[in-house]
Amino acid sequence: MRNTSAPAPICDVHDLLGRPVREECARLMPRGIQQQLVFLLEHHGDDRIVAALLNSRPRTIRRHARGSALFPPNQALRRRLPEAVLNAVCPVRIAQAAEHAARRRKRRRPAQDE
């Protein structure tokens, strides 16, 4: 049996930040593929959204989240999964996404006023 409690991945931006932020992100990060998929399903509320994020099929996502898949997740899914979870968990990434969305709205606003 494999050890599924591997250390949690952290963001690239955490290399520049202090230890408390890194520890908070690692604490929030679910361990293991099944727990990460369950977290994303709970966070987004729809298996189609999670499947689109991970470039997979909803049925595949549901089966891996239940742990009833015959084969383990493919390498592409395992590679994309931590990034998708970090985007939903990491306070630094959430703040960056909010800033990016605000800048995008600000650029669109003058065009709509014309």
Protein backbone atom coordinates (compact mmCIF):
# COMPACT_ATOMS: atom_id res chain seq x y z
CA MET A 1 0.00 0.00 0.00
CA ARG A 2 1.30 3.41 -0.96
CA ASN A 3 1.68 6.26 1.47
CA THR A 4 -0.90 8.90 0.49
CA SER A 5 0.16 11.40 3.12
CA ALA A 6 2.95 12.91 1.05
CA PRO A 7 3.92 16.48 1.83
CA ALA A 8 1.52 19.03 0.44
CA PRO A 9 2.69 20.93 -2.63
CA ILE A 10 3.12 24.64 -2.23
CA CYS A 11 2.94 27.52 -4.66
CA ASP A 12 5.87 28.94 -6.54
CA VAL A 13 5.11 32.34 -5.03
CA HIS A 14 5.63 30.94 -1.54
CA ASP A 15 9.37 30.85 -2.15
CA LEU A 16 9.28 34.64 -1.84
CA LEU A 17 6.96 34.72 1.17
CA GLY A 18 7.43 33.91 4.81
CA ARG A 19 7.05 30.65 6.64
CA PRO A 20 3.58 31.35 8.15
CA VAL A 21 1.99 31.71 4.71
CA ARG A 22 3.65 28.51 3.49
CA GLU A 23 2.46 26.61 6.55
CA GLU A 24 -1.09 27.92 6.17
CA CYS A 25 -1.25 26.80 2.56
CA ALA A 26 0.19 23.38 3.42
CA ARG A 27 -2.32 23.01 6.25
CA LEU A 28 -5.26 23.80 3.97
CA MET A 29 -4.11 21.51 1.15
CA PRO A 30 -5.91 18.14 1.11
CA ARG A 31 -3.66 15.07 0.95
CA GLY A 32 -4.02 12.42 -1.72
CA ILE A 33 -5.77 12.37 -5.07
CA GLN A 34 -9.13 11.19 -3.76
CA GLN A 35 -9.28 13.84 -1.02
CA GLN A 36 -8.27 16.56 -3.47
CA LEU A 37 -11.01 15.54 -5.92
CA VAL A 38 -13.60 15.45 -3.14
CA PHE A 39 -12.46 18.90 -2.03
CA LEU A 40 -12.80 20.30 -5.57
CA LEU A 41 -16.25 18.74 -5.96
CA GLU A 42 -17.37 20.34 -2.69
CA HIS A 43 -15.74 23.67 -3.54
CA HIS A 44 -17.19 24.01 -7.05
CA GLY A 45 -20.38 22.05 -6.44
CA ASP A 46 -20.55 20.43 -9.87
CA ASP A 47 -18.59 17.57 -11.37
CA ARG A 48 -18.77 19.13 -14.83
CA ILE A 49 -16.93 22.23 -13.63
CA VAL A 50 -14.21 20.13 -11.99
CA ALA A 51 -13.94 17.95 -15.10
CA ALA A 52 -13.51 21.05 -17.26
CA LEU A 53 -10.81 22.40 -14.93
CA LEU A 54 -8.93 19.12 -15.09
CA ASN A 55 -9.60 18.42 -18.77
CA SER A 56 -11.31 15.15 -17.98
CA ARG A 57 -14.78 13.60 -18.06
CA PRO A 58 -17.28 14.10 -15.20
CA ARG A 59 -17.71 10.35 -14.85
CA THR A 60 -13.96 9.90 -14.41
CA ILE A 61 -13.88 12.61 -11.75
CA ARG A 62 -16.79 11.05 -9.83
CA ARG A 63 -15.24 7.57 -9.95
CA HIS A 64 -11.85 8.74 -8.69
CA ALA A 65 -13.48 10.83 -5.96
CA ARG A 66 -15.41 7.76 -4.76
CA GLY A 67 -12.30 5.64 -4.98
CA SER A 68 -14.05 3.10 -7.17
CA ALA A 69 -12.07 3.56 -10.38
CA LEU A 70 -10.58 0.40 -11.82
CA PHE A 71 -7.39 2.16 -12.92
CA PRO A 72 -5.51 4.93 -11.10
CA PRO A 73 -5.78 8.48 -12.45
CA ASN A 74 -3.66 9.12 -15.50
CA GLN A 75 -0.51 11.18 -15.33
CA ALA A 76 -2.07 14.28 -16.87
CA LEU A 77 -4.85 14.33 -14.26
CA ARG A 78 -2.37 13.82 -11.42
CA ARG A 79 -0.27 16.70 -12.78
CA ARG A 80 -3.20 19.15 -13.11
CA LEU A 81 -4.95 18.27 -9.86
CA PRO A 82 -2.61 19.97 -7.33
CA GLU A 83 -2.64 23.20 -9.36
CA ALA A 84 -6.44 23.28 -9.40
CA VAL A 85 -6.59 22.63 -5.65
CA LEU A 86 -3.97 25.29 -4.93
CA ASN A 87 -6.00 27.80 -6.95
CA ALA A 88 -8.96 27.10 -4.65
CA VAL A 89 -7.02 26.86 -1.36
CA CYS A 90 -3.99 29.13 -1.41
CA PRO A 91 -4.69 32.59 0.03
CA VAL A 92 -1.94 34.11 -2.13
CA ARG A 93 -3.36 32.71 -5.36
CA ILE A 94 -6.90 33.72 -4.37
CA ALA A 95 -5.72 37.29 -3.73
CA GLN A 96 -3.84 37.37 -7.05
CA ALA A 97 -6.91 36.10 -8.91
CA ALA A 98 -9.07 38.77 -7.26
CA GLU A 99 -6.59 41.50 -8.25
CA HIS A 100 -6.48 40.19 -11.80
CA ALA A 101 -10.29 40.14 -12.02
CA ALA A 102 -10.47 43.69 -10.65
CA ARG A 103 -7.98 44.93 -13.26
CA ARG A 104 -9.95 43.16 -16.00
CA ARG A 105 -13.21 44.78 -14.83
CA LYS A 106 -11.52 48.17 -14.66
CA ARG A 107 -10.31 47.85 -18.27
CA ARG A 108 -13.75 46.83 -19.49
CA ARG A 109 -15.62 49.58 -17.65
CA PRO A 110 -14.42 52.56 -19.79
CA ALA A 111 -15.26 50.68 -22.98
CA GLN A 112 -18.82 50.12 -21.77
CA ASP A 113 -19.30 53.78 -20.84
CA GLU A 114 -18.67 54.98 -24.40
